[in-house]
Amino acid sequence: MNIKPILFNTEMVQSILGGLKTCTRRLVKFLPGENPQWTGYIKDGLMLYNGTNEPCCRKPSYKIGDVLYVRETWTDHYVPNEIGKPELQYCYKADGTDIKGECLPGENNRWYPSIHMPKEAARIFLKVTNVRVERLQEITDDGCIAEGVYPSPCRKCNATFGCDTCSDEGYHETDGFSELWNSTIKKSDLDRYGWDANPYVWVIEFERCEKPGKE
């Protein structure tokens, strides 16, 4: 078992805490010289191969059985313990705590980006239960829900599920997820990695678990 970090924004952390999010999608990283837009083929659900039957992407960052500690927006401050000695406490933006209220941070008086969260500050641990590769637009209604985003109602008939006719005309129930996905991609990269580009992604399914060593 490997213990690895994974980044989530505040909205997605709240979905995990609420038991709504059990899956995440991350971009596939291609090997140098390989074309991310080339339609290769997937073998065993875990690797992309090119026209000469060679792997054309890097292995996924996570595998089944790995435990991930979630890095989220955080801060810290010291409070006196029972004997009056200063004790370090961590606070998390996803909890909705007012940074100027209950949780006063250190001298910088600000939230720290998730990427700078130390391992010891992590409070959420996830066990990877499945990993596979697919195209981004292959996500289903159930996949949207597992991502913590309920499918958007059809803009034409207002149906939430099973809107096959309207979907053929360009009304997609995955609009909610596509908007969320695009919000995580730099504007300069939308043509390569945005929803419309339909890139290859790793689908990583997980479940909440105890901090390693506390089982």
N, C-alpha and C. Protein backbone atom coordinates (compact mmCIF):
# COMPACT_ATOMS: atom_id res chain seq x y z
N MET A 1 0.84 -1.20 0.00
CA MET A 1 0.00 0.00 0.00
C MET A 1 0.88 1.25 0.00
N ASN A 2 0.59 2.16 -0.93
CA ASN A 2 1.28 3.43 -0.97
C ASN A 2 0.37 4.52 -0.44
N ILE A 3 0.95 5.52 0.21
CA ILE A 3 0.22 6.67 0.72
C ILE A 3 0.67 7.88 -0.09
N LYS A 4 -0.28 8.50 -0.82
CA LYS A 4 0.06 9.57 -1.75
C LYS A 4 -0.89 10.76 -1.56
N PRO A 5 -0.44 11.96 -1.92
CA PRO A 5 -1.31 13.13 -1.82
C PRO A 5 -2.19 13.29 -3.05
N ILE A 6 -3.32 13.94 -2.88
CA ILE A 6 -4.19 14.29 -4.00
C ILE A 6 -4.84 15.63 -3.69
N LEU A 7 -4.92 16.50 -4.68
CA LEU A 7 -5.47 17.84 -4.49
C LEU A 7 -6.95 17.88 -4.84
N PHE A 8 -7.73 18.59 -4.03
CA PHE A 8 -9.13 18.87 -4.33
C PHE A 8 -9.43 20.31 -3.95
N ASN A 9 -10.29 20.97 -4.75
CA ASN A 9 -10.70 22.32 -4.38
C ASN A 9 -11.74 22.25 -3.27
N THR A 10 -12.08 23.41 -2.74
CA THR A 10 -12.96 23.47 -1.57
C THR A 10 -14.32 22.85 -1.85
N GLU A 11 -14.89 23.12 -3.03
CA GLU A 11 -16.20 22.58 -3.37
C GLU A 11 -16.19 21.06 -3.39
N MET A 12 -15.15 20.47 -3.95
CA MET A 12 -15.07 19.03 -4.02
C MET A 12 -14.78 18.39 -2.66
N VAL A 13 -14.02 19.08 -1.81
CA VAL A 13 -13.81 18.59 -0.46
C VAL A 13 -15.13 18.52 0.29
N GLN A 14 -15.96 19.54 0.11
CA GLN A 14 -17.27 19.54 0.76
C GLN A 14 -18.13 18.38 0.25
N SER A 15 -18.01 18.06 -1.04
CA SER A 15 -18.76 16.92 -1.59
C SER A 15 -18.28 15.60 -1.01
N ILE A 16 -16.97 15.49 -0.80
CA ILE A 16 -16.42 14.27 -0.20
C ILE A 16 -16.89 14.14 1.24
N LEU A 17 -16.83 15.24 1.99
CA LEU A 17 -17.27 15.22 3.39
C LEU A 17 -18.75 14.88 3.49
N GLY A 18 -19.53 15.30 2.50
CA GLY A 18 -20.96 15.04 2.50
C GLY A 18 -21.33 13.67 1.96
N GLY A 19 -20.32 12.89 1.57
CA GLY A 19 -20.57 11.55 1.05
C GLY A 19 -21.09 11.53 -0.37
N LEU A 20 -20.96 12.65 -1.09
CA LEU A 20 -21.49 12.74 -2.45
C LEU A 20 -20.46 12.37 -3.52
N LYS A 21 -19.21 12.63 -3.25
CA LYS A 21 -18.17 12.41 -4.26
C LYS A 21 -17.37 11.16 -3.95
N THR A 22 -17.38 10.22 -4.88
CA THR A 22 -16.65 8.96 -4.71
C THR A 22 -15.76 8.66 -5.91
N CYS A 23 -15.50 9.67 -6.72
CA CYS A 23 -14.74 9.46 -7.95
C CYS A 23 -14.12 10.79 -8.39
N THR A 24 -13.00 10.72 -9.07
CA THR A 24 -12.40 11.91 -9.66
C THR A 24 -11.76 11.55 -10.99
N ARG A 25 -11.69 12.49 -11.88
CA ARG A 25 -11.05 12.30 -13.18
C ARG A 25 -9.83 13.20 -13.29
N ARG A 26 -8.73 12.63 -13.76
CA ARG A 26 -7.48 13.35 -13.92
C ARG A 26 -6.92 13.10 -15.31
N LEU A 27 -6.29 14.10 -15.89
CA LEU A 27 -5.78 14.00 -17.25
C LEU A 27 -4.73 12.90 -17.39
N VAL A 28 -4.80 12.18 -18.48
CA VAL A 28 -3.76 11.22 -18.83
C VAL A 28 -2.54 11.99 -19.34
N LYS A 29 -1.37 11.63 -18.88
CA LYS A 29 -0.13 12.27 -19.33
C LYS A 29 0.53 11.39 -20.37
N PHE A 30 0.71 11.94 -21.56
CA PHE A 30 1.29 11.18 -22.67
C PHE A 30 2.81 11.22 -22.64
N LEU A 31 3.42 10.18 -23.19
CA LEU A 31 4.87 10.12 -23.29
C LEU A 31 5.36 11.12 -24.33
N PRO A 32 6.60 11.59 -24.21
CA PRO A 32 7.15 12.54 -25.19
C PRO A 32 7.04 12.00 -26.60
N GLY A 33 6.61 12.86 -27.51
CA GLY A 33 6.49 12.47 -28.90
C GLY A 33 5.16 11.87 -29.28
N GLU A 34 4.33 11.54 -28.29
CA GLU A 34 3.02 10.96 -28.57
C GLU A 34 1.98 12.07 -28.69
N ASN A 35 0.98 11.84 -29.50
CA ASN A 35 -0.06 12.83 -29.76
C ASN A 35 -1.29 12.56 -28.90
N PRO A 36 -1.60 13.45 -27.95
CA PRO A 36 -2.75 13.22 -27.06
C PRO A 36 -4.08 13.15 -27.81
N GLN A 37 -4.14 13.71 -29.02
CA GLN A 37 -5.38 13.71 -29.78
C GLN A 37 -5.54 12.47 -30.65
N TRP A 38 -4.50 11.63 -30.68
CA TRP A 38 -4.57 10.45 -31.52
C TRP A 38 -5.50 9.42 -30.88
N THR A 39 -6.33 8.82 -31.66
CA THR A 39 -7.29 7.84 -31.13
C THR A 39 -6.64 6.45 -31.10
N GLY A 40 -5.92 6.20 -30.05
CA GLY A 40 -5.30 4.90 -29.88
C GLY A 40 -6.30 3.90 -29.35
N TYR A 41 -5.83 2.83 -28.76
CA TYR A 41 -6.75 1.86 -28.21
C TYR A 41 -6.36 1.57 -26.76
N ILE A 42 -7.34 1.18 -25.99
CA ILE A 42 -7.14 0.93 -24.56
C ILE A 42 -7.05 -0.58 -24.33
N LYS A 43 -6.06 -0.98 -23.57
CA LYS A 43 -5.88 -2.40 -23.25
C LYS A 43 -6.04 -2.61 -21.75
N ASP A 44 -6.86 -3.55 -21.38
CA ASP A 44 -7.09 -3.90 -19.97
C ASP A 44 -7.61 -2.73 -19.15
N GLY A 45 -8.09 -1.69 -19.84
CA GLY A 45 -8.66 -0.55 -19.15
C GLY A 45 -7.66 0.35 -18.46
N LEU A 46 -6.36 0.01 -18.58
CA LEU A 46 -5.36 0.74 -17.80
C LEU A 46 -4.21 1.33 -18.62
N MET A 47 -4.19 1.10 -19.92
CA MET A 47 -3.07 1.62 -20.69
C MET A 47 -3.52 1.93 -22.12
N LEU A 48 -2.99 3.03 -22.66
CA LEU A 48 -3.24 3.42 -24.04
C LEU A 48 -2.07 2.96 -24.91
N TYR A 49 -2.40 2.42 -26.08
CA TYR A 49 -1.36 1.96 -27.00
C TYR A 49 -1.49 2.70 -28.33
N ASN A 50 -0.36 2.94 -28.97
CA ASN A 50 -0.36 3.64 -30.26
C ASN A 50 -0.45 2.64 -31.41
N GLY A 51 -0.25 3.14 -32.63
CA GLY A 51 -0.41 2.31 -33.81
C GLY A 51 0.60 1.20 -33.96
N THR A 52 1.70 1.28 -33.22
CA THR A 52 2.71 0.22 -33.27
C THR A 52 2.67 -0.65 -32.01
N ASN A 53 1.52 -0.64 -31.37
CA ASN A 53 1.29 -1.48 -30.18
C ASN A 53 2.25 -1.19 -29.03
N GLU A 54 2.64 0.08 -28.89
CA GLU A 54 3.50 0.49 -27.79
C GLU A 54 2.74 1.41 -26.85
N PRO A 55 3.00 1.32 -25.56
CA PRO A 55 2.35 2.25 -24.62
C PRO A 55 2.66 3.69 -25.00
N CYS A 56 1.64 4.55 -24.98
CA CYS A 56 1.88 5.93 -25.39
C CYS A 56 1.55 6.93 -24.28
N CYS A 57 1.29 6.43 -23.06
CA CYS A 57 1.04 7.35 -21.94
C CYS A 57 1.72 6.84 -20.69
N ARG A 58 1.85 7.72 -19.74
CA ARG A 58 2.44 7.33 -18.45
C ARG A 58 1.43 6.52 -17.64
N LYS A 59 1.94 5.71 -16.76
CA LYS A 59 1.07 4.94 -15.88
C LYS A 59 0.29 5.89 -14.97
N PRO A 60 -0.87 5.45 -14.49
CA PRO A 60 -1.64 6.32 -13.60
C PRO A 60 -0.87 6.61 -12.31
N SER A 61 -1.12 7.77 -11.76
CA SER A 61 -0.44 8.16 -10.52
C SER A 61 -0.89 7.33 -9.34
N TYR A 62 -2.10 6.75 -9.45
CA TYR A 62 -2.65 5.97 -8.34
C TYR A 62 -3.07 4.59 -8.82
N LYS A 63 -3.04 3.62 -7.92
CA LYS A 63 -3.48 2.28 -8.25
C LYS A 63 -4.39 1.75 -7.14
N ILE A 64 -5.11 0.68 -7.45
CA ILE A 64 -6.05 0.10 -6.49
C ILE A 64 -5.30 -0.28 -5.21
N GLY A 65 -5.87 0.13 -4.08
CA GLY A 65 -5.26 -0.16 -2.80
C GLY A 65 -4.48 0.98 -2.20
N ASP A 66 -4.08 1.96 -3.05
CA ASP A 66 -3.38 3.13 -2.53
C ASP A 66 -4.29 3.92 -1.60
N VAL A 67 -3.69 4.55 -0.60
CA VAL A 67 -4.42 5.46 0.28
C VAL A 67 -3.98 6.88 -0.04
N LEU A 68 -4.95 7.75 -0.29
CA LEU A 68 -4.68 9.12 -0.66
C LEU A 68 -5.04 10.05 0.49
N TYR A 69 -4.13 10.95 0.81
CA TYR A 69 -4.49 11.97 1.80
C TYR A 69 -4.80 13.27 1.05
N VAL A 70 -5.94 13.84 1.37
CA VAL A 70 -6.46 14.97 0.62
C VAL A 70 -5.78 16.26 1.05
N ARG A 71 -5.22 16.96 0.10
CA ARG A 71 -4.70 18.30 0.33
C ARG A 71 -5.80 19.31 -0.01
N GLU A 72 -6.12 20.16 0.94
CA GLU A 72 -7.19 21.13 0.77
C GLU A 72 -6.74 22.49 1.30
N THR A 73 -7.50 23.53 1.03
CA THR A 73 -7.17 24.86 1.52
C THR A 73 -7.28 24.87 3.04
N TRP A 74 -6.26 25.36 3.72
CA TRP A 74 -6.14 25.20 5.16
C TRP A 74 -5.42 26.39 5.79
N THR A 75 -5.38 26.40 7.08
CA THR A 75 -4.57 27.35 7.83
C THR A 75 -4.29 26.73 9.19
N ASP A 76 -3.49 27.40 10.00
CA ASP A 76 -3.19 26.88 11.34
C ASP A 76 -3.08 28.03 12.33
N HIS A 77 -3.20 27.71 13.58
CA HIS A 77 -3.01 28.68 14.65
C HIS A 77 -2.74 27.93 15.94
N TYR A 78 -2.29 28.65 16.93
CA TYR A 78 -1.99 28.04 18.21
C TYR A 78 -3.03 28.44 19.25
N VAL A 79 -3.46 27.45 20.01
CA VAL A 79 -4.40 27.70 21.11
C VAL A 79 -3.83 27.05 22.37
N PRO A 80 -4.13 27.61 23.52
CA PRO A 80 -3.62 27.01 24.76
C PRO A 80 -4.34 25.71 25.07
N ASN A 81 -3.58 24.70 25.49
CA ASN A 81 -4.19 23.43 25.88
C ASN A 81 -4.61 23.47 27.35
N GLU A 82 -4.88 22.33 27.94
CA GLU A 82 -5.40 22.27 29.30
C GLU A 82 -4.44 22.87 30.34
N ILE A 83 -3.16 22.83 30.05
CA ILE A 83 -2.20 23.37 31.00
C ILE A 83 -1.66 24.73 30.56
N GLY A 84 -2.33 25.30 29.54
CA GLY A 84 -1.96 26.64 29.10
C GLY A 84 -0.81 26.70 28.11
N LYS A 85 -0.36 25.54 27.64
CA LYS A 85 0.74 25.51 26.68
C LYS A 85 0.18 25.65 25.26
N PRO A 86 0.80 26.51 24.42
CA PRO A 86 0.30 26.68 23.04
C PRO A 86 0.34 25.35 22.27
N GLU A 87 -0.75 25.07 21.59
CA GLU A 87 -0.87 23.83 20.83
C GLU A 87 -1.36 24.14 19.42
N LEU A 88 -0.70 23.52 18.42
CA LEU A 88 -1.03 23.80 17.03
C LEU A 88 -2.38 23.18 16.65
N GLN A 89 -3.23 23.96 16.00
CA GLN A 89 -4.50 23.47 15.47
C GLN A 89 -4.61 23.81 14.00
N TYR A 90 -5.28 22.94 13.26
CA TYR A 90 -5.51 23.17 11.84
C TYR A 90 -6.97 23.50 11.60
N CYS A 91 -7.22 24.38 10.65
CA CYS A 91 -8.58 24.72 10.24
C CYS A 91 -8.67 24.61 8.72
N TYR A 92 -9.89 24.36 8.22
CA TYR A 92 -10.08 24.06 6.81
C TYR A 92 -11.19 24.92 6.21
N LYS A 93 -10.89 25.48 5.06
CA LYS A 93 -11.85 26.38 4.41
C LYS A 93 -13.16 25.67 4.08
N ALA A 94 -13.09 24.38 3.78
CA ALA A 94 -14.28 23.62 3.40
C ALA A 94 -15.30 23.55 4.53
N ASP A 95 -14.85 23.78 5.76
CA ASP A 95 -15.76 23.76 6.89
C ASP A 95 -16.58 25.04 7.00
N GLY A 96 -16.23 26.04 6.18
CA GLY A 96 -16.95 27.30 6.22
C GLY A 96 -16.56 28.17 7.40
N THR A 97 -15.43 27.88 8.01
CA THR A 97 -14.99 28.66 9.16
C THR A 97 -14.52 30.04 8.74
N ASP A 98 -14.95 31.05 9.46
CA ASP A 98 -14.50 32.42 9.19
C ASP A 98 -13.06 32.56 9.65
N ILE A 99 -12.19 32.91 8.73
CA ILE A 99 -10.77 33.00 9.08
C ILE A 99 -10.52 34.07 10.13
N LYS A 100 -11.42 35.05 10.23
CA LYS A 100 -11.25 36.11 11.22
C LYS A 100 -12.08 35.83 12.47
N GLY A 101 -12.74 34.67 12.48
CA GLY A 101 -13.58 34.33 13.61
C GLY A 101 -12.98 33.25 14.47
N GLU A 102 -13.56 32.06 14.39
CA GLU A 102 -13.15 30.99 15.28
C GLU A 102 -11.71 30.54 15.05
N CYS A 103 -11.29 30.55 13.80
CA CYS A 103 -9.98 30.00 13.47
C CYS A 103 -9.05 31.12 13.04
N LEU A 104 -8.26 31.62 13.97
CA LEU A 104 -7.31 32.67 13.64
C LEU A 104 -5.99 32.03 13.22
N PRO A 105 -5.54 32.30 12.00
CA PRO A 105 -4.30 31.70 11.52
C PRO A 105 -3.08 32.35 12.14
N GLY A 106 -1.93 31.93 11.66
CA GLY A 106 -0.67 32.49 12.15
C GLY A 106 -0.47 33.92 11.71
N GLU A 107 0.75 34.33 11.72
CA GLU A 107 1.08 35.74 11.49
C GLU A 107 0.67 36.23 10.10
N ASN A 108 0.52 35.31 9.12
CA ASN A 108 0.14 35.74 7.77
C ASN A 108 -1.35 36.01 7.64
N ASN A 109 -2.16 35.52 8.57
CA ASN A 109 -3.60 35.79 8.59
C ASN A 109 -4.27 35.51 7.25
N ARG A 110 -4.06 34.31 6.72
CA ARG A 110 -4.64 33.96 5.43
C ARG A 110 -4.78 32.45 5.30
N TRP A 111 -5.57 32.05 4.31
CA TRP A 111 -5.67 30.63 3.97
C TRP A 111 -4.47 30.25 3.13
N TYR A 112 -4.01 29.03 3.33
CA TYR A 112 -2.88 28.52 2.54
C TYR A 112 -3.40 27.62 1.42
N PRO A 113 -2.80 27.71 0.22
CA PRO A 113 -3.23 26.86 -0.90
C PRO A 113 -3.07 25.38 -0.57
N SER A 114 -3.95 24.58 -1.14
CA SER A 114 -3.94 23.14 -0.86
C SER A 114 -2.60 22.49 -1.19
N ILE A 115 -1.94 22.97 -2.22
CA ILE A 115 -0.69 22.35 -2.66
C ILE A 115 0.39 22.45 -1.60
N HIS A 116 0.24 23.40 -0.66
CA HIS A 116 1.23 23.57 0.39
C HIS A 116 0.86 22.85 1.70
N MET A 117 -0.25 22.11 1.69
CA MET A 117 -0.66 21.43 2.92
C MET A 117 0.32 20.32 3.27
N PRO A 118 0.85 20.31 4.49
CA PRO A 118 1.73 19.21 4.91
C PRO A 118 0.90 17.96 5.20
N LYS A 119 1.52 16.83 5.11
CA LYS A 119 0.82 15.56 5.32
C LYS A 119 0.18 15.49 6.70
N GLU A 120 0.88 16.05 7.70
CA GLU A 120 0.36 15.96 9.07
C GLU A 120 -0.92 16.78 9.28
N ALA A 121 -1.21 17.69 8.35
CA ALA A 121 -2.42 18.50 8.48
C ALA A 121 -3.63 17.83 7.83
N ALA A 122 -3.40 16.76 7.08
CA ALA A 122 -4.50 16.10 6.35
C ALA A 122 -5.48 15.46 7.32
N ARG A 123 -6.77 15.57 7.00
CA ARG A 123 -7.81 14.97 7.83
C ARG A 123 -8.68 13.98 7.05
N ILE A 124 -8.57 13.99 5.72
CA ILE A 124 -9.39 13.12 4.88
C ILE A 124 -8.49 12.12 4.17
N PHE A 125 -8.84 10.84 4.30
CA PHE A 125 -8.07 9.78 3.66
C PHE A 125 -9.00 8.93 2.79
N LEU A 126 -8.53 8.59 1.60
CA LEU A 126 -9.34 7.88 0.62
C LEU A 126 -8.60 6.63 0.16
N LYS A 127 -9.31 5.54 0.07
CA LYS A 127 -8.72 4.30 -0.46
C LYS A 127 -9.17 4.10 -1.89
N VAL A 128 -8.23 3.93 -2.81
CA VAL A 128 -8.55 3.76 -4.22
C VAL A 128 -9.14 2.37 -4.44
N THR A 129 -10.33 2.32 -5.04
CA THR A 129 -11.02 1.04 -5.27
C THR A 129 -11.03 0.63 -6.73
N ASN A 130 -10.80 1.59 -7.64
CA ASN A 130 -10.79 1.24 -9.06
C ASN A 130 -10.10 2.35 -9.85
N VAL A 131 -9.40 1.95 -10.91
CA VAL A 131 -8.73 2.90 -11.80
C VAL A 131 -8.92 2.42 -13.23
N ARG A 132 -9.29 3.33 -14.13
CA ARG A 132 -9.42 2.97 -15.54
C ARG A 132 -9.21 4.23 -16.38
N VAL A 133 -8.98 4.02 -17.66
CA VAL A 133 -8.80 5.15 -18.57
C VAL A 133 -9.96 5.18 -19.55
N GLU A 134 -10.42 6.38 -19.86
CA GLU A 134 -11.49 6.55 -20.84
C GLU A 134 -11.47 7.98 -21.36
N ARG A 135 -12.30 8.23 -22.38
CA ARG A 135 -12.46 9.59 -22.87
C ARG A 135 -13.35 10.38 -21.90
N LEU A 136 -13.06 11.66 -21.77
CA LEU A 136 -13.80 12.49 -20.82
C LEU A 136 -15.30 12.45 -21.06
N GLN A 137 -15.70 12.53 -22.33
CA GLN A 137 -17.13 12.61 -22.64
C GLN A 137 -17.85 11.27 -22.52
N GLU A 138 -17.15 10.23 -22.13
CA GLU A 138 -17.79 8.94 -21.89
C GLU A 138 -18.48 8.90 -20.53
N ILE A 139 -18.35 9.94 -19.75
CA ILE A 139 -18.98 9.97 -18.44
C ILE A 139 -20.49 9.82 -18.58
N THR A 140 -21.09 9.07 -17.67
CA THR A 140 -22.53 8.82 -17.68
C THR A 140 -23.20 9.66 -16.60
N ASP A 141 -24.54 9.57 -16.54
CA ASP A 141 -25.26 10.26 -15.47
C ASP A 141 -24.79 9.77 -14.10
N ASP A 142 -24.63 8.44 -13.96
CA ASP A 142 -24.14 7.89 -12.70
C ASP A 142 -22.72 8.38 -12.41
N GLY A 143 -21.92 8.54 -13.47
CA GLY A 143 -20.57 9.05 -13.30
C GLY A 143 -20.56 10.48 -12.80
N CYS A 144 -21.50 11.29 -13.31
CA CYS A 144 -21.62 12.67 -12.84
C CYS A 144 -21.94 12.71 -11.36
N ILE A 145 -22.86 11.84 -10.95
CA ILE A 145 -23.26 11.79 -9.54
C ILE A 145 -22.08 11.35 -8.67
N ALA A 146 -21.32 10.35 -9.15
CA ALA A 146 -20.15 9.88 -8.40
C ALA A 146 -19.10 10.98 -8.29
N GLU A 147 -19.09 11.90 -9.25
CA GLU A 147 -18.16 13.03 -9.21
C GLU A 147 -18.66 14.13 -8.26
N GLY A 148 -19.86 13.94 -7.71
CA GLY A 148 -20.41 14.93 -6.80
C GLY A 148 -21.19 16.01 -7.49
N VAL A 149 -21.50 15.79 -8.79
CA VAL A 149 -22.24 16.78 -9.58
C VAL A 149 -23.47 16.12 -10.16
N TYR A 150 -24.64 16.54 -9.75
CA TYR A 150 -25.85 15.96 -10.31
C TYR A 150 -26.03 16.44 -11.74
N PRO A 151 -26.50 15.56 -12.64
CA PRO A 151 -26.68 15.95 -14.04
C PRO A 151 -27.59 17.18 -14.16
N SER A 152 -27.23 18.07 -15.07
CA SER A 152 -28.05 19.25 -15.29
C SER A 152 -29.31 18.87 -16.06
N PRO A 153 -30.45 19.47 -15.74
CA PRO A 153 -31.67 19.21 -16.52
C PRO A 153 -31.47 19.64 -17.97
N CYS A 154 -32.11 18.91 -18.87
CA CYS A 154 -32.06 19.27 -20.29
C CYS A 154 -32.61 20.68 -20.47
N ARG A 155 -31.91 21.49 -21.22
CA ARG A 155 -32.34 22.87 -21.41
C ARG A 155 -33.54 22.99 -22.35
N LYS A 156 -33.93 21.86 -22.96
CA LYS A 156 -35.06 21.91 -23.88
C LYS A 156 -36.33 21.33 -23.26
N CYS A 157 -36.23 20.14 -22.64
CA CYS A 157 -37.43 19.51 -22.09
C CYS A 157 -37.40 19.43 -20.58
N ASN A 158 -36.28 19.86 -19.95
CA ASN A 158 -36.13 19.90 -18.51
C ASN A 158 -36.03 18.52 -17.87
N ALA A 159 -35.83 17.48 -18.67
CA ALA A 159 -35.65 16.14 -18.11
C ALA A 159 -34.28 16.04 -17.45
N THR A 160 -34.19 15.29 -16.36
CA THR A 160 -32.91 15.11 -15.68
C THR A 160 -32.19 13.86 -16.17
N PHE A 161 -32.95 12.80 -16.46
CA PHE A 161 -32.36 11.57 -16.95
C PHE A 161 -33.08 11.10 -18.21
N GLY A 162 -32.38 10.32 -19.01
CA GLY A 162 -33.00 9.66 -20.16
C GLY A 162 -33.44 10.58 -21.27
N CYS A 163 -32.78 11.72 -21.43
CA CYS A 163 -33.17 12.67 -22.46
C CYS A 163 -32.40 12.36 -23.75
N ASP A 164 -32.69 11.20 -24.35
CA ASP A 164 -31.92 10.76 -25.51
C ASP A 164 -32.18 11.62 -26.74
N THR A 165 -33.44 11.96 -26.98
CA THR A 165 -33.78 12.72 -28.18
C THR A 165 -33.14 14.09 -28.16
N CYS A 166 -33.30 14.80 -27.06
CA CYS A 166 -32.74 16.14 -26.97
C CYS A 166 -31.22 16.11 -26.98
N SER A 167 -30.64 15.09 -26.33
CA SER A 167 -29.19 15.00 -26.30
C SER A 167 -28.62 14.90 -27.71
N ASP A 168 -29.35 14.20 -28.59
CA ASP A 168 -28.90 14.10 -29.98
C ASP A 168 -28.89 15.47 -30.65
N GLU A 169 -29.70 16.39 -30.14
CA GLU A 169 -29.77 17.72 -30.72
C GLU A 169 -28.83 18.70 -30.03
N GLY A 170 -27.99 18.18 -29.13
CA GLY A 170 -27.00 19.03 -28.50
C GLY A 170 -27.33 19.48 -27.10
N TYR A 171 -28.36 18.92 -26.49
CA TYR A 171 -28.71 19.27 -25.12
C TYR A 171 -28.21 18.14 -24.22
N HIS A 172 -27.21 18.42 -23.43
CA HIS A 172 -26.53 17.36 -22.69
C HIS A 172 -26.81 17.44 -21.20
N GLU A 173 -27.11 16.29 -20.62
CA GLU A 173 -27.34 16.23 -19.19
C GLU A 173 -26.04 16.32 -18.41
N THR A 174 -24.90 16.26 -19.11
CA THR A 174 -23.61 16.36 -18.44
C THR A 174 -23.09 17.79 -18.40
N ASP A 175 -23.94 18.76 -18.71
CA ASP A 175 -23.48 20.15 -18.73
C ASP A 175 -22.90 20.58 -17.39
N GLY A 176 -23.50 20.12 -16.29
CA GLY A 176 -23.00 20.49 -14.96
C GLY A 176 -21.57 20.04 -14.76
N PHE A 177 -21.29 18.80 -15.15
CA PHE A 177 -19.93 18.30 -14.99
C PHE A 177 -18.98 18.97 -15.97
N SER A 178 -19.41 19.20 -17.20
CA SER A 178 -18.53 19.81 -18.20
C SER A 178 -18.11 21.21 -17.75
N GLU A 179 -19.04 21.94 -17.13
CA GLU A 179 -18.70 23.27 -16.63
C GLU A 179 -17.70 23.18 -15.49
N LEU A 180 -17.91 22.20 -14.60
CA LEU A 180 -16.97 22.00 -13.51
C LEU A 180 -15.59 21.64 -14.04
N TRP A 181 -15.54 20.72 -15.00
CA TRP A 181 -14.26 20.31 -15.57
C TRP A 181 -13.53 21.50 -16.18
N ASN A 182 -14.22 22.27 -17.00
CA ASN A 182 -13.58 23.41 -17.66
C ASN A 182 -13.07 24.44 -16.66
N SER A 183 -13.72 24.52 -15.50
CA SER A 183 -13.28 25.50 -14.49
C SER A 183 -11.93 25.12 -13.89
N THR A 184 -11.51 23.86 -14.06
CA THR A 184 -10.23 23.41 -13.52
C THR A 184 -9.10 23.50 -14.54
N ILE A 185 -9.43 23.85 -15.77
CA ILE A 185 -8.44 23.91 -16.85
C ILE A 185 -8.09 25.36 -17.17
N LYS A 186 -6.80 25.63 -17.36
CA LYS A 186 -6.39 26.97 -17.75
C LYS A 186 -7.03 27.34 -19.09
N LYS A 187 -7.40 28.61 -19.24
CA LYS A 187 -8.05 29.05 -20.48
C LYS A 187 -7.18 28.74 -21.69
N SER A 188 -5.89 28.88 -21.53
CA SER A 188 -4.98 28.64 -22.66
C SER A 188 -4.91 27.16 -23.04
N ASP A 189 -5.39 26.27 -22.15
CA ASP A 189 -5.32 24.83 -22.41
C ASP A 189 -6.68 24.22 -22.75
N LEU A 190 -7.73 25.05 -22.80
CA LEU A 190 -9.07 24.51 -23.03
C LEU A 190 -9.19 23.80 -24.37
N ASP A 191 -8.44 24.28 -25.39
CA ASP A 191 -8.54 23.66 -26.70
C ASP A 191 -7.95 22.25 -26.71
N ARG A 192 -7.07 21.96 -25.74
CA ARG A 192 -6.44 20.63 -25.66
C ARG A 192 -7.04 19.74 -24.59
N TYR A 193 -7.44 20.36 -23.47
CA TYR A 193 -7.86 19.56 -22.32
C TYR A 193 -9.27 19.87 -21.85
N GLY A 194 -9.96 20.81 -22.48
CA GLY A 194 -11.31 21.14 -22.07
C GLY A 194 -12.32 20.07 -22.47
N TRP A 195 -13.56 20.27 -22.05
CA TRP A 195 -14.62 19.30 -22.33
C TRP A 195 -14.76 19.02 -23.82
N ASP A 196 -14.77 20.05 -24.64
CA ASP A 196 -14.96 19.87 -26.08
C ASP A 196 -13.80 19.11 -26.72
N ALA A 197 -12.61 19.19 -26.13
CA ALA A 197 -11.45 18.47 -26.67
C ALA A 197 -11.56 16.97 -26.40
N ASN A 198 -12.40 16.58 -25.43
CA ASN A 198 -12.63 15.18 -25.10
C ASN A 198 -11.32 14.41 -24.88
N PRO A 199 -10.48 14.87 -23.94
CA PRO A 199 -9.19 14.20 -23.72
C PRO A 199 -9.36 12.85 -23.02
N TYR A 200 -8.28 12.08 -23.03
CA TYR A 200 -8.25 10.86 -22.24
C TYR A 200 -8.04 11.23 -20.77
N VAL A 201 -8.73 10.52 -19.89
CA VAL A 201 -8.61 10.79 -18.45
C VAL A 201 -8.53 9.49 -17.68
N TRP A 202 -7.89 9.57 -16.51
CA TRP A 202 -7.94 8.48 -15.56
C TRP A 202 -9.17 8.65 -14.71
N VAL A 203 -9.97 7.61 -14.57
CA VAL A 203 -11.13 7.62 -13.68
C VAL A 203 -10.71 6.90 -12.41
N ILE A 204 -10.68 7.63 -11.31
CA ILE A 204 -10.19 7.09 -10.04
C ILE A 204 -11.35 7.04 -9.06
N GLU A 205 -11.77 5.83 -8.70
CA GLU A 205 -12.86 5.65 -7.75
C GLU A 205 -12.26 5.39 -6.36
N PHE A 206 -12.95 5.88 -5.33
CA PHE A 206 -12.39 5.76 -3.99
C PHE A 206 -13.49 5.69 -2.94
N GLU A 207 -13.08 5.36 -1.73
CA GLU A 207 -13.97 5.36 -0.58
C GLU A 207 -13.23 5.94 0.61
N ARG A 208 -13.98 6.55 1.53
CA ARG A 208 -13.36 7.12 2.73
C ARG A 208 -12.75 5.99 3.57
N CYS A 209 -11.65 6.28 4.21
CA CYS A 209 -11.03 5.30 5.09
C CYS A 209 -10.36 6.01 6.25
N GLU A 210 -9.92 5.24 7.24
CA GLU A 210 -9.22 5.80 8.38
C GLU A 210 -7.80 6.18 7.99
N LYS A 211 -7.24 7.07 8.76
CA LYS A 211 -5.84 7.41 8.58
C LYS A 211 -4.99 6.16 8.78
N PRO A 212 -4.04 5.89 7.89
CA PRO A 212 -3.21 4.69 8.03
C PRO A 212 -2.59 4.63 9.42
N GLY A 213 -2.70 3.45 10.04
CA GLY A 213 -2.18 3.28 11.38
C GLY A 213 -3.22 3.38 12.45
N LYS A 214 -4.46 3.84 12.04
CA LYS A 214 -5.54 3.96 13.01
C LYS A 214 -6.63 2.91 12.81
N GLU A 215 -6.40 1.98 11.85
CA GLU A 215 -7.40 0.95 11.60
C GLU A 215 -7.60 0.08 12.85
